[in-house]
Amino acid sequence: MRKEIVICSSDELCALDYNLQENKFISRGCSQYNEPRVHIYDGRYHTSFDVECNHNLCNTDETISQIKTILANYGLTDTNGRRVADGNKQMVSSLLMKLTLIFIVFYSF
């Protein structure tokens, strides 16, 4: 029952733990926390998020899809839920730095 959708009682929150790197549920169930929350863990070898919400059936694939959309809209991940590569961020930063220096050199003389 660890990976099946669960209906919780009125005093429990619906919960799920999802592995973003492997695109699979680690667990689904009910929790005793008193308020809804989303925690994102982004480590070197493990990326996942935990969700607790106060609506029944919020531990579905649709919930995961909506969270991935929100994270992508704010630039925290790509559209598939993977984190944005640090190399891409550094490439853009160095490109902007070079363009700024070129702009300063041409317009100062």
PDB file of N, CA and C in Angstrom:
ATOM      1  N   MET A   1       0.815  -1.182   0.000  1.00  0.00           N
ATOM      2  CA  MET A   1       0.000   0.000   0.000  1.00  0.00           C
ATOM      3  C   MET A   1       0.866   1.256   0.000  1.00  0.00           C
ATOM      4  N   ARG A   2       2.140   1.104  -0.019  1.00  0.00           N
ATOM      5  CA  ARG A   2       3.070   2.211   0.044  1.00  0.00           C
ATOM      6  C   ARG A   2       2.990   3.122  -1.181  1.00  0.00           C
ATOM      7  N   LYS A   3       2.664   2.601  -2.347  1.00  0.00           N
ATOM      8  CA  LYS A   3       2.657   3.406  -3.560  1.00  0.00           C
ATOM      9  C   LYS A   3       1.261   3.609  -4.132  1.00  0.00           C
ATOM     10  N   GLU A   4       0.233   3.263  -3.403  1.00  0.00           N
ATOM     11  CA  GLU A   4      -1.131   3.443  -3.876  1.00  0.00           C
ATOM     12  C   GLU A   4      -1.722   4.723  -3.311  1.00  0.00           C
ATOM     13  N   ILE A   5      -2.728   5.262  -3.997  1.00  0.00           N
ATOM     14  CA  ILE A   5      -3.421   6.455  -3.528  1.00  0.00           C
ATOM     15  C   ILE A   5      -4.198   6.100  -2.274  1.00  0.00           C
ATOM     16  N   VAL A   6      -4.127   6.977  -1.263  1.00  0.00           N
ATOM     17  CA  VAL A   6      -4.713   6.702   0.039  1.00  0.00           C
ATOM     18  C   VAL A   6      -5.700   7.806   0.395  1.00  0.00           C
ATOM     19  N   ILE A   7      -6.831   7.446   0.983  1.00  0.00           N
ATOM     20  CA  ILE A   7      -7.785   8.415   1.512  1.00  0.00           C
ATOM     21  C   ILE A   7      -7.558   8.504   3.013  1.00  0.00           C
ATOM     22  N   CYS A   8      -7.338   9.728   3.516  1.00  0.00           N
ATOM     23  CA  CYS A   8      -7.005   9.939   4.926  1.00  0.00           C
ATOM     24  C   CYS A   8      -8.232  10.367   5.720  1.00  0.00           C
ATOM     25  N   SER A   9      -8.155  10.178   7.027  1.00  0.00           N
ATOM     26  CA  SER A   9      -9.240  10.613   7.909  1.00  0.00           C
ATOM     27  C   SER A   9      -9.218  12.136   8.044  1.00  0.00           C
ATOM     28  N   SER A  10     -10.233  12.702   8.669  1.00  0.00           N
ATOM     29  CA  SER A  10     -10.366  14.158   8.747  1.00  0.00           C
ATOM     30  C   SER A  10      -9.280  14.825   9.591  1.00  0.00           C
ATOM     31  N   ASP A  11      -8.661  14.110  10.506  1.00  0.00           N
ATOM     32  CA  ASP A  11      -7.620  14.715  11.343  1.00  0.00           C
ATOM     33  C   ASP A  11      -6.205  14.455  10.816  1.00  0.00           C
ATOM     34  N   GLU A  12      -6.079  13.872   9.628  1.00  0.00           N
ATOM     35  CA  GLU A  12      -4.784  13.593   9.019  1.00  0.00           C
ATOM     36  C   GLU A  12      -4.635  14.375   7.718  1.00  0.00           C
ATOM     37  N   LEU A  13      -3.396  14.525   7.294  1.00  0.00           N
ATOM     38  CA  LEU A  13      -3.098  15.153   6.020  1.00  0.00           C
ATOM     39  C   LEU A  13      -2.657  14.099   5.020  1.00  0.00           C
ATOM     40  N   CYS A  14      -3.038  14.309   3.789  1.00  0.00           N
ATOM     41  CA  CYS A  14      -2.637  13.454   2.688  1.00  0.00           C
ATOM     42  C   CYS A  14      -1.158  13.742   2.393  1.00  0.00           C
ATOM     43  N   ALA A  15      -0.323  12.718   2.221  1.00  0.00           N
ATOM     44  CA  ALA A  15       1.117  12.928   2.071  1.00  0.00           C
ATOM     45  C   ALA A  15       1.699  12.071   0.955  1.00  0.00           C
ATOM     46  N   LEU A  16       2.777  12.582   0.352  1.00  0.00           N
ATOM     47  CA  LEU A  16       3.514  11.800  -0.634  1.00  0.00           C
ATOM     48  C   LEU A  16       4.966  12.222  -0.612  1.00  0.00           C
ATOM     49  N   ASP A  17       5.814  11.304  -1.012  1.00  0.00           N
ATOM     50  CA  ASP A  17       7.246  11.544  -1.154  1.00  0.00           C
ATOM     51  C   ASP A  17       7.606  11.087  -2.559  1.00  0.00           C
ATOM     52  N   TYR A  18       8.176  11.985  -3.367  1.00  0.00           N
ATOM     53  CA  TYR A  18       8.415  11.715  -4.779  1.00  0.00           C
ATOM     54  C   TYR A  18       9.876  11.953  -5.124  1.00  0.00           C
ATOM     55  N   ASN A  19      10.500  11.002  -5.818  1.00  0.00           N
ATOM     56  CA  ASN A  19      11.887  11.110  -6.249  1.00  0.00           C
ATOM     57  C   ASN A  19      11.918  11.739  -7.637  1.00  0.00           C
ATOM     58  N   LEU A  20      12.474  12.952  -7.745  1.00  0.00           N
ATOM     59  CA  LEU A  20      12.506  13.664  -9.022  1.00  0.00           C
ATOM     60  C   LEU A  20      13.493  13.066 -10.012  1.00  0.00           C
ATOM     61  N   GLN A  21      14.596  12.509  -9.535  1.00  0.00           N
ATOM     62  CA  GLN A  21      15.597  11.958 -10.442  1.00  0.00           C
ATOM     63  C   GLN A  21      15.117  10.681 -11.115  1.00  0.00           C
ATOM     64  N   GLU A  22      14.375   9.863 -10.392  1.00  0.00           N
ATOM     65  CA  GLU A  22      13.903   8.597 -10.946  1.00  0.00           C
ATOM     66  C   GLU A  22      12.456   8.675 -11.419  1.00  0.00           C
ATOM     67  N   ASN A  23      11.784   9.821 -11.196  1.00  0.00           N
ATOM     68  CA  ASN A  23      10.385  10.017 -11.575  1.00  0.00           C
ATOM     69  C   ASN A  23       9.486   8.908 -11.048  1.00  0.00           C
ATOM     70  N   LYS A  24       9.586   8.653  -9.741  1.00  0.00           N
ATOM     71  CA  LYS A  24       8.716   7.644  -9.144  1.00  0.00           C
ATOM     72  C   LYS A  24       8.389   8.009  -7.700  1.00  0.00           C
ATOM     73  N   PHE A  25       7.278   7.486  -7.238  1.00  0.00           N
ATOM     74  CA  PHE A  25       6.850   7.720  -5.867  1.00  0.00           C
ATOM     75  C   PHE A  25       7.680   6.877  -4.915  1.00  0.00           C
ATOM     76  N   ILE A  26       8.132   7.489  -3.839  1.00  0.00           N
ATOM     77  CA  ILE A  26       8.807   6.750  -2.787  1.00  0.00           C
ATOM     78  C   ILE A  26       7.758   6.216  -1.821  1.00  0.00           C
ATOM     79  N   SER A  27       6.809   7.073  -1.467  1.00  0.00           N
ATOM     80  CA  SER A  27       5.712   6.633  -0.600  1.00  0.00           C
ATOM     81  C   SER A  27       4.521   7.573  -0.729  1.00  0.00           C
ATOM     82  N   ARG A  28       3.355   7.043  -0.421  1.00  0.00           N
ATOM     83  CA  ARG A  28       2.113   7.811  -0.340  1.00  0.00           C
ATOM     84  C   ARG A  28       1.402   7.364   0.923  1.00  0.00           C
ATOM     85  N   GLY A  29       0.718   8.279   1.569  1.00  0.00           N
ATOM     86  CA  GLY A  29       0.009   7.892   2.782  1.00  0.00           C
ATOM     87  C   GLY A  29      -0.591   9.081   3.492  1.00  0.00           C
ATOM     88  N   CYS A  30      -0.733   8.964   4.802  1.00  0.00           N
ATOM     89  CA  CYS A  30      -1.308  10.015   5.635  1.00  0.00           C
ATOM     90  C   CYS A  30      -0.273  10.440   6.669  1.00  0.00           C
ATOM     91  N   SER A  31      -0.326  11.708   7.074  1.00  0.00           N
ATOM     92  CA  SER A  31       0.611  12.197   8.084  1.00  0.00           C
ATOM     93  C   SER A  31      -0.137  12.970   9.159  1.00  0.00           C
ATOM     94  N   GLN A  32       0.529  13.187  10.268  1.00  0.00           N
ATOM     95  CA  GLN A  32      -0.077  13.855  11.415  1.00  0.00           C
ATOM     96  C   GLN A  32       0.313  15.329  11.520  1.00  0.00           C
ATOM     97  N   TYR A  33       0.956  15.894  10.501  1.00  0.00           N
ATOM     98  CA  TYR A  33       1.314  17.318  10.554  1.00  0.00           C
ATOM     99  C   TYR A  33       0.046  18.158  10.596  1.00  0.00           C
ATOM    100  N   ASN A  34       0.149  19.373  11.165  1.00  0.00           N
ATOM    101  CA  ASN A  34      -1.054  20.169  11.315  1.00  0.00           C
ATOM    102  C   ASN A  34      -1.274  21.189  10.214  1.00  0.00           C
ATOM    103  N   GLU A  35      -0.374  21.345   9.280  1.00  0.00           N
ATOM    104  CA  GLU A  35      -0.622  22.285   8.199  1.00  0.00           C
ATOM    105  C   GLU A  35      -0.026  21.768   6.895  1.00  0.00           C
ATOM    106  N   PRO A  36      -0.625  22.154   5.765  1.00  0.00           N
ATOM    107  CA  PRO A  36      -0.113  21.717   4.463  1.00  0.00           C
ATOM    108  C   PRO A  36       1.281  22.286   4.210  1.00  0.00           C
ATOM    109  N   ARG A  37       2.104  21.530   3.481  1.00  0.00           N
ATOM    110  CA  ARG A  37       3.457  21.993   3.184  1.00  0.00           C
ATOM    111  C   ARG A  37       4.023  21.245   1.989  1.00  0.00           C
ATOM    112  N   VAL A  38       5.025  21.838   1.369  1.00  0.00           N
ATOM    113  CA  VAL A  38       5.813  21.198   0.321  1.00  0.00           C
ATOM    114  C   VAL A  38       7.273  21.424   0.681  1.00  0.00           C
ATOM    115  N   HIS A  39       8.033  20.357   0.838  1.00  0.00           N
ATOM    116  CA  HIS A  39       9.476  20.444   1.107  1.00  0.00           C
ATOM    117  C   HIS A  39      10.218  19.857  -0.082  1.00  0.00           C
ATOM    118  N   ILE A  40      11.215  20.585  -0.535  1.00  0.00           N
ATOM    119  CA  ILE A  40      12.016  20.123  -1.660  1.00  0.00           C
ATOM    120  C   ILE A  40      13.428  19.850  -1.156  1.00  0.00           C
ATOM    121  N   TYR A  41      13.935  18.662  -1.436  1.00  0.00           N
ATOM    122  CA  TYR A  41      15.293  18.267  -1.067  1.00  0.00           C
ATOM    123  C   TYR A  41      16.115  18.182  -2.343  1.00  0.00           C
ATOM    124  N   ASP A  42      17.173  18.960  -2.409  1.00  0.00           N
ATOM    125  CA  ASP A  42      18.002  18.988  -3.606  1.00  0.00           C
ATOM    126  C   ASP A  42      19.451  18.770  -3.204  1.00  0.00           C
ATOM    127  N   GLY A  43      19.855  17.519  -3.199  1.00  0.00           N
ATOM    128  CA  GLY A  43      21.223  17.181  -2.850  1.00  0.00           C
ATOM    129  C   GLY A  43      22.010  16.793  -4.083  1.00  0.00           C
ATOM    130  N   ARG A  44      23.238  16.462  -3.880  1.00  0.00           N
ATOM    131  CA  ARG A  44      24.089  16.081  -5.003  1.00  0.00           C
ATOM    132  C   ARG A  44      23.624  14.772  -5.647  1.00  0.00           C
ATOM    133  N   TYR A  45      23.187  13.814  -4.841  1.00  0.00           N
ATOM    134  CA  TYR A  45      22.823  12.500  -5.367  1.00  0.00           C
ATOM    135  C   TYR A  45      21.346  12.169  -5.217  1.00  0.00           C
ATOM    136  N   HIS A  46      20.592  13.036  -4.576  1.00  0.00           N
ATOM    137  CA  HIS A  46      19.177  12.736  -4.323  1.00  0.00           C
ATOM    138  C   HIS A  46      18.366  14.024  -4.407  1.00  0.00           C
ATOM    139  N   THR A  47      17.331  14.025  -5.240  1.00  0.00           N
ATOM    140  CA  THR A  47      16.426  15.160  -5.359  1.00  0.00           C
ATOM    141  C   THR A  47      15.007  14.637  -5.238  1.00  0.00           C
ATOM    142  N   SER A  48      14.274  15.169  -4.275  1.00  0.00           N
ATOM    143  CA  SER A  48      12.897  14.722  -4.077  1.00  0.00           C
ATOM    144  C   SER A  48      12.088  15.827  -3.435  1.00  0.00           C
ATOM    145  N   PHE A  49      10.776  15.630  -3.389  1.00  0.00           N
ATOM    146  CA  PHE A  49       9.969  16.528  -2.592  1.00  0.00           C
ATOM    147  C   PHE A  49       8.901  15.770  -1.844  1.00  0.00           C
ATOM    148  N   ASP A  50       8.574  16.331  -0.671  1.00  0.00           N
ATOM    149  CA  ASP A  50       7.532  15.790   0.196  1.00  0.00           C
ATOM    150  C   ASP A  50       6.372  16.767   0.175  1.00  0.00           C
ATOM    151  N   VAL A  51       5.166  16.234   0.077  1.00  0.00           N
ATOM    152  CA  VAL A  51       3.972  17.074   0.038  1.00  0.00           C
ATOM    153  C   VAL A  51       3.003  16.581   1.093  1.00  0.00           C
ATOM    154  N   GLU A  52       2.475  17.487   1.889  1.00  0.00           N
ATOM    155  CA  GLU A  52       1.366  17.195   2.795  1.00  0.00           C
ATOM    156  C   GLU A  52       0.278  18.216   2.503  1.00  0.00           C
ATOM    157  N   CYS A  53      -0.927  17.766   2.228  1.00  0.00           N
ATOM    158  CA  CYS A  53      -2.022  18.690   1.923  1.00  0.00           C
ATOM    159  C   CYS A  53      -3.290  18.250   2.641  1.00  0.00           C
ATOM    160  N   ASN A  54      -4.219  19.185   2.790  1.00  0.00           N
ATOM    161  CA  ASN A  54      -5.416  18.910   3.576  1.00  0.00           C
ATOM    162  C   ASN A  54      -6.625  18.530   2.732  1.00  0.00           C
ATOM    163  N   HIS A  55      -6.416  18.098   1.509  1.00  0.00           N
ATOM    164  CA  HIS A  55      -7.499  17.603   0.659  1.00  0.00           C
ATOM    165  C   HIS A  55      -7.285  16.117   0.410  1.00  0.00           C
ATOM    166  N   ASN A  56      -8.353  15.379   0.349  1.00  0.00           N
ATOM    167  CA  ASN A  56      -8.224  13.962   0.015  1.00  0.00           C
ATOM    168  C   ASN A  56      -7.768  13.806  -1.425  1.00  0.00           C
ATOM    169  N   LEU A  57      -7.092  12.729  -1.682  1.00  0.00           N
ATOM    170  CA  LEU A  57      -6.602  12.361  -3.006  1.00  0.00           C
ATOM    171  C   LEU A  57      -5.648  13.394  -3.594  1.00  0.00           C
ATOM    172  N   CYS A  58      -4.883  14.061  -2.765  1.00  0.00           N
ATOM    173  CA  CYS A  58      -3.877  14.986  -3.303  1.00  0.00           C
ATOM    174  C   CYS A  58      -2.540  14.287  -3.499  1.00  0.00           C
ATOM    175  N   ASN A  59      -2.479  13.000  -3.250  1.00  0.00           N
ATOM    176  CA  ASN A  59      -1.231  12.267  -3.466  1.00  0.00           C
ATOM    177  C   ASN A  59      -1.303  11.473  -4.768  1.00  0.00           C
ATOM    178  N   THR A  60      -1.768  12.153  -5.828  1.00  0.00           N
ATOM    179  CA  THR A  60      -1.929  11.528  -7.137  1.00  0.00           C
ATOM    180  C   THR A  60      -0.866  12.039  -8.105  1.00  0.00           C
ATOM    181  N   ASP A  61      -0.859  11.475  -9.299  1.00  0.00           N
ATOM    182  CA  ASP A  61       0.050  11.931 -10.349  1.00  0.00           C
ATOM    183  C   ASP A  61      -0.261  13.366 -10.762  1.00  0.00           C
ATOM    184  N   GLU A  62      -1.527  13.764 -10.692  1.00  0.00           N
ATOM    185  CA  GLU A  62      -1.919  15.129 -11.052  1.00  0.00           C
ATOM    186  C   GLU A  62      -1.271  16.154 -10.119  1.00  0.00           C
ATOM    187  N   THR A  63      -1.192  15.839  -8.841  1.00  0.00           N
ATOM    188  CA  THR A  63      -0.543  16.730  -7.880  1.00  0.00           C
ATOM    189  C   THR A  63       0.927  16.908  -8.235  1.00  0.00           C
ATOM    190  N   ILE A  64       1.601  15.824  -8.555  1.00  0.00           N
ATOM    191  CA  ILE A  64       3.012  15.889  -8.948  1.00  0.00           C
ATOM    192  C   ILE A  64       3.173  16.756 -10.187  1.00  0.00           C
ATOM    193  N   SER A  65       2.298  16.579 -11.156  1.00  0.00           N
ATOM    194  CA  SER A  65       2.350  17.365 -12.384  1.00  0.00           C
ATOM    195  C   SER A  65       2.178  18.857 -12.106  1.00  0.00           C
ATOM    196  N   GLN A  66       1.245  19.207 -11.241  1.00  0.00           N
ATOM    197  CA  GLN A  66       1.019  20.615 -10.912  1.00  0.00           C
ATOM    198  C   GLN A  66       2.207  21.215 -10.170  1.00  0.00           C
ATOM    199  N   ILE A  67       2.805  20.474  -9.270  1.00  0.00           N
ATOM    200  CA  ILE A  67       3.978  20.973  -8.545  1.00  0.00           C
ATOM    201  C   ILE A  67       5.148  21.167  -9.507  1.00  0.00           C
ATOM    202  N   LYS A  68       5.350  20.233 -10.432  1.00  0.00           N
ATOM    203  CA  LYS A  68       6.414  20.380 -11.422  1.00  0.00           C
ATOM    204  C   LYS A  68       6.194  21.623 -12.275  1.00  0.00           C
ATOM    205  N   THR A  69       4.932  21.905 -12.632  1.00  0.00           N
ATOM    206  CA  THR A  69       4.609  23.094 -13.422  1.00  0.00           C
ATOM    207  C   THR A  69       4.941  24.365 -12.654  1.00  0.00           C
ATOM    208  N   ILE A  70       4.584  24.416 -11.381  1.00  0.00           N
ATOM    209  CA  ILE A  70       4.882  25.592 -10.556  1.00  0.00           C
ATOM    210  C   ILE A  70       6.388  25.801 -10.439  1.00  0.00           C
ATOM    211  N   LEU A  71       7.136  24.733 -10.182  1.00  0.00           N
ATOM    212  CA  LEU A  71       8.592  24.848 -10.062  1.00  0.00           C
ATOM    213  C   LEU A  71       9.225  25.301 -11.378  1.00  0.00           C
ATOM    214  N   ALA A  72       8.707  24.805 -12.506  1.00  0.00           N
ATOM    215  CA  ALA A  72       9.229  25.211 -13.812  1.00  0.00           C
ATOM    216  C   ALA A  72       8.885  26.667 -14.112  1.00  0.00           C
ATOM    217  N   ASN A  73       7.686  27.112 -13.742  1.00  0.00           N
ATOM    218  CA  ASN A  73       7.284  28.503 -13.988  1.00  0.00           C
ATOM    219  C   ASN A  73       8.177  29.493 -13.255  1.00  0.00           C
ATOM    220  N   TYR A  74       8.687  29.110 -12.108  1.00  0.00           N
ATOM    221  CA  TYR A  74       9.563  29.988 -11.340  1.00  0.00           C
ATOM    222  C   TYR A  74      11.043  29.744 -11.625  1.00  0.00           C
ATOM    223  N   GLY A  75      11.343  28.912 -12.625  1.00  0.00           N
ATOM    224  CA  GLY A  75      12.722  28.698 -13.038  1.00  0.00           C
ATOM    225  C   GLY A  75      13.545  27.835 -12.106  1.00  0.00           C
ATOM    226  N   LEU A  76      12.896  27.090 -11.222  1.00  0.00           N
ATOM    227  CA  LEU A  76      13.635  26.237 -10.294  1.00  0.00           C
ATOM    228  C   LEU A  76      13.989  24.891 -10.910  1.00  0.00           C
ATOM    229  N   THR A  77      13.174  24.420 -11.848  1.00  0.00           N
ATOM    230  CA  THR A  77      13.439  23.164 -12.552  1.00  0.00           C
ATOM    231  C   THR A  77      13.063  23.348 -14.014  1.00  0.00           C
ATOM    232  N   ASP A  78      13.384  22.354 -14.842  1.00  0.00           N
ATOM    233  CA  ASP A  78      12.887  22.389 -16.209  1.00  0.00           C
ATOM    234  C   ASP A  78      11.475  21.808 -16.231  1.00  0.00           C
ATOM    235  N   THR A  79      10.873  21.691 -17.413  1.00  0.00           N
ATOM    236  CA  THR A  79       9.481  21.247 -17.501  1.00  0.00           C
ATOM    237  C   THR A  79       9.286  19.799 -17.076  1.00  0.00           C
ATOM    238  N   ASN A  80      10.354  19.011 -17.042  1.00  0.00           N
ATOM    239  CA  ASN A  80      10.243  17.616 -16.621  1.00  0.00           C
ATOM    240  C   ASN A  80      10.490  17.423 -15.130  1.00  0.00           C
ATOM    241  N   GLY A  81      10.725  18.508 -14.406  1.00  0.00           N
ATOM    242  CA  GLY A  81      10.964  18.405 -12.977  1.00  0.00           C
ATOM    243  C   GLY A  81      12.417  18.227 -12.603  1.00  0.00           C
ATOM    244  N   ARG A  82      13.309  18.287 -13.590  1.00  0.00           N
ATOM    245  CA  ARG A  82      14.737  18.172 -13.291  1.00  0.00           C
ATOM    246  C   ARG A  82      15.293  19.551 -12.980  1.00  0.00           C
ATOM    247  N   ARG A  83      16.289  19.595 -12.120  1.00  0.00           N
ATOM    248  CA  ARG A  83      16.851  20.900 -11.769  1.00  0.00           C
ATOM    249  C   ARG A  83      17.632  21.477 -12.940  1.00  0.00           C
ATOM    250  N   VAL A  84      17.703  22.789 -12.989  1.00  0.00           N
ATOM    251  CA  VAL A  84      18.422  23.485 -14.039  1.00  0.00           C
ATOM    252  C   VAL A  84      19.913  23.288 -13.809  1.00  0.00           C
ATOM    253  N   ALA A  85      20.622  22.942 -14.864  1.00  0.00           N
ATOM    254  CA  ALA A  85      22.052  22.644 -14.748  1.00  0.00           C
ATOM    255  C   ALA A  85      22.840  23.882 -14.341  1.00  0.00           C
ATOM    256  N   ASP A  86      23.742  23.716 -13.397  1.00  0.00           N
ATOM    257  CA  ASP A  86      24.589  24.820 -12.951  1.00  0.00           C
ATOM    258  C   ASP A  86      25.482  25.324 -14.083  1.00  0.00           C
ATOM    259  N   GLY A  87      25.893  24.438 -14.962  1.00  0.00           N
ATOM    260  CA  GLY A  87      26.732  24.844 -16.083  1.00  0.00           C
ATOM    261  C   GLY A  87      26.030  25.835 -16.985  1.00  0.00           C
ATOM    262  N   ASN A  88      24.742  25.644 -17.213  1.00  0.00           N
ATOM    263  CA  ASN A  88      23.988  26.584 -18.030  1.00  0.00           C
ATOM    264  C   ASN A  88      23.924  27.949 -17.363  1.00  0.00           C
ATOM    265  N   LYS A  89      23.753  27.982 -16.065  1.00  0.00           N
ATOM    266  CA  LYS A  89      23.713  29.254 -15.346  1.00  0.00           C
ATOM    267  C   LYS A  89      25.051  29.970 -15.470  1.00  0.00           C
ATOM    268  N   GLN A  90      26.157  29.231 -15.348  1.00  0.00           N
ATOM    269  CA  GLN A  90      27.477  29.843 -15.437  1.00  0.00           C
ATOM    270  C   GLN A  90      27.760  30.328 -16.851  1.00  0.00           C
ATOM    271  N   MET A  91      27.296  29.579 -17.867  1.00  0.00           N
ATOM    272  CA  MET A  91      27.501  29.999 -19.240  1.00  0.00           C
ATOM    273  C   MET A  91      26.784  31.312 -19.507  1.00  0.00           C
ATOM    274  N   VAL A  92      25.576  31.448 -19.050  1.00  0.00           N
ATOM    275  CA  VAL A  92      24.823  32.676 -19.257  1.00  0.00           C
ATOM    276  C   VAL A  92      25.493  33.823 -18.523  1.00  0.00           C
ATOM    277  N   SER A  93      25.929  33.589 -17.312  1.00  0.00           N
ATOM    278  CA  SER A  93      26.593  34.633 -16.534  1.00  0.00           C
ATOM    279  C   SER A  93      27.871  35.104 -17.216  1.00  0.00           C
ATOM    280  N   SER A  94      28.686  34.183 -17.700  1.00  0.00           N
ATOM    281  CA  SER A  94      29.937  34.581 -18.351  1.00  0.00           C
ATOM    282  C   SER A  94      29.656  35.293 -19.668  1.00  0.00           C
ATOM    283  N   LEU A  95      28.634  34.885 -20.389  1.00  0.00           N
ATOM    284  CA  LEU A  95      28.262  35.551 -21.634  1.00  0.00           C
ATOM    285  C   LEU A  95      27.825  36.987 -21.350  1.00  0.00           C
ATOM    286  N   LEU A  96      27.024  37.178 -20.328  1.00  0.00           N
ATOM    287  CA  LEU A  96      26.590  38.527 -19.977  1.00  0.00           C
ATOM    288  C   LEU A  96      27.765  39.395 -19.533  1.00  0.00           C
ATOM    289  N   MET A  97      28.691  38.807 -18.805  1.00  0.00           N
ATOM    290  CA  MET A  97      29.882  39.556 -18.382  1.00  0.00           C
ATOM    291  C   MET A  97      30.701  39.997 -19.598  1.00  0.00           C
ATOM    292  N   LYS A  98      30.898  39.108 -20.558  1.00  0.00           N
ATOM    293  CA  LYS A  98      31.667  39.449 -21.755  1.00  0.00           C
ATOM    294  C   LYS A  98      30.970  40.541 -22.553  1.00  0.00           C
ATOM    295  N   LEU A  99      29.664  40.419 -22.714  1.00  0.00           N
ATOM    296  CA  LEU A  99      28.925  41.445 -23.452  1.00  0.00           C
ATOM    297  C   LEU A  99      28.992  42.795 -22.746  1.00  0.00           C
ATOM    298  N   THR A 100      28.948  42.787 -21.435  1.00  0.00           N
ATOM    299  CA  THR A 100      29.050  44.028 -20.673  1.00  0.00           C
ATOM    300  C   THR A 100      30.417  44.670 -20.874  1.00  0.00           C
ATOM    301  N   LEU A 101      31.475  43.873 -20.809  1.00  0.00           N
ATOM    302  CA  LEU A 101      32.824  44.408 -21.025  1.00  0.00           C
ATOM    303  C   LEU A 101      32.991  44.964 -22.435  1.00  0.00           C
ATOM    304  N   ILE A 102      32.473  44.264 -23.430  1.00  0.00           N
ATOM    305  CA  ILE A 102      32.548  44.744 -24.814  1.00  0.00           C
ATOM    306  C   ILE A 102      31.791  46.058 -24.947  1.00  0.00           C
ATOM    307  N   PHE A 103      30.641  46.140 -24.355  1.00  0.00           N
ATOM    308  CA  PHE A 103      29.833  47.355 -24.388  1.00  0.00           C
ATOM    309  C   PHE A 103      30.596  48.525 -23.759  1.00  0.00           C
ATOM    310  N   ILE A 104      31.223  48.303 -22.620  1.00  0.00           N
ATOM    311  CA  ILE A 104      31.980  49.359 -21.933  1.00  0.00           C
ATOM    312  C   ILE A 104      33.170  49.799 -22.769  1.00  0.00           C
ATOM    313  N   VAL A 105      33.896  48.848 -23.358  1.00  0.00           N
ATOM    314  CA  VAL A 105      35.077  49.175 -24.153  1.00  0.00           C
ATOM    315  C   VAL A 105      34.692  50.002 -25.376  1.00  0.00           C
ATOM    316  N   PHE A 106      33.661  49.610 -26.106  1.00  0.00           N
ATOM    317  CA  PHE A 106      33.277  50.320 -27.321  1.00  0.00           C
ATOM    318  C   PHE A 106      32.695  51.697 -27.037  1.00  0.00           C
ATOM    319  N   TYR A 107      31.965  51.845 -25.992  1.00  0.00           N
ATOM    320  CA  TYR A 107      31.319  53.125 -25.718  1.00  0.00           C
ATOM    321  C   TYR A 107      32.167  54.069 -24.877  1.00  0.00           C
ATOM    322  N   SER A 108      33.273  53.610 -24.348  1.00  0.00           N
ATOM    323  CA  SER A 108      34.131  54.510 -23.575  1.00  0.00           C
ATOM    324  C   SER A 108      35.171  55.200 -24.454  1.00  0.00           C
ATOM    325  N   PHE A 109      35.411  54.679 -25.652  1.00  0.00           N
ATOM    326  CA  PHE A 109      36.408  55.290 -26.548  1.00  0.00           C
ATOM    327  C   PHE A 109      35.743  56.065 -27.622  1.00  0.00           C
TER     328      PHE A 109
END
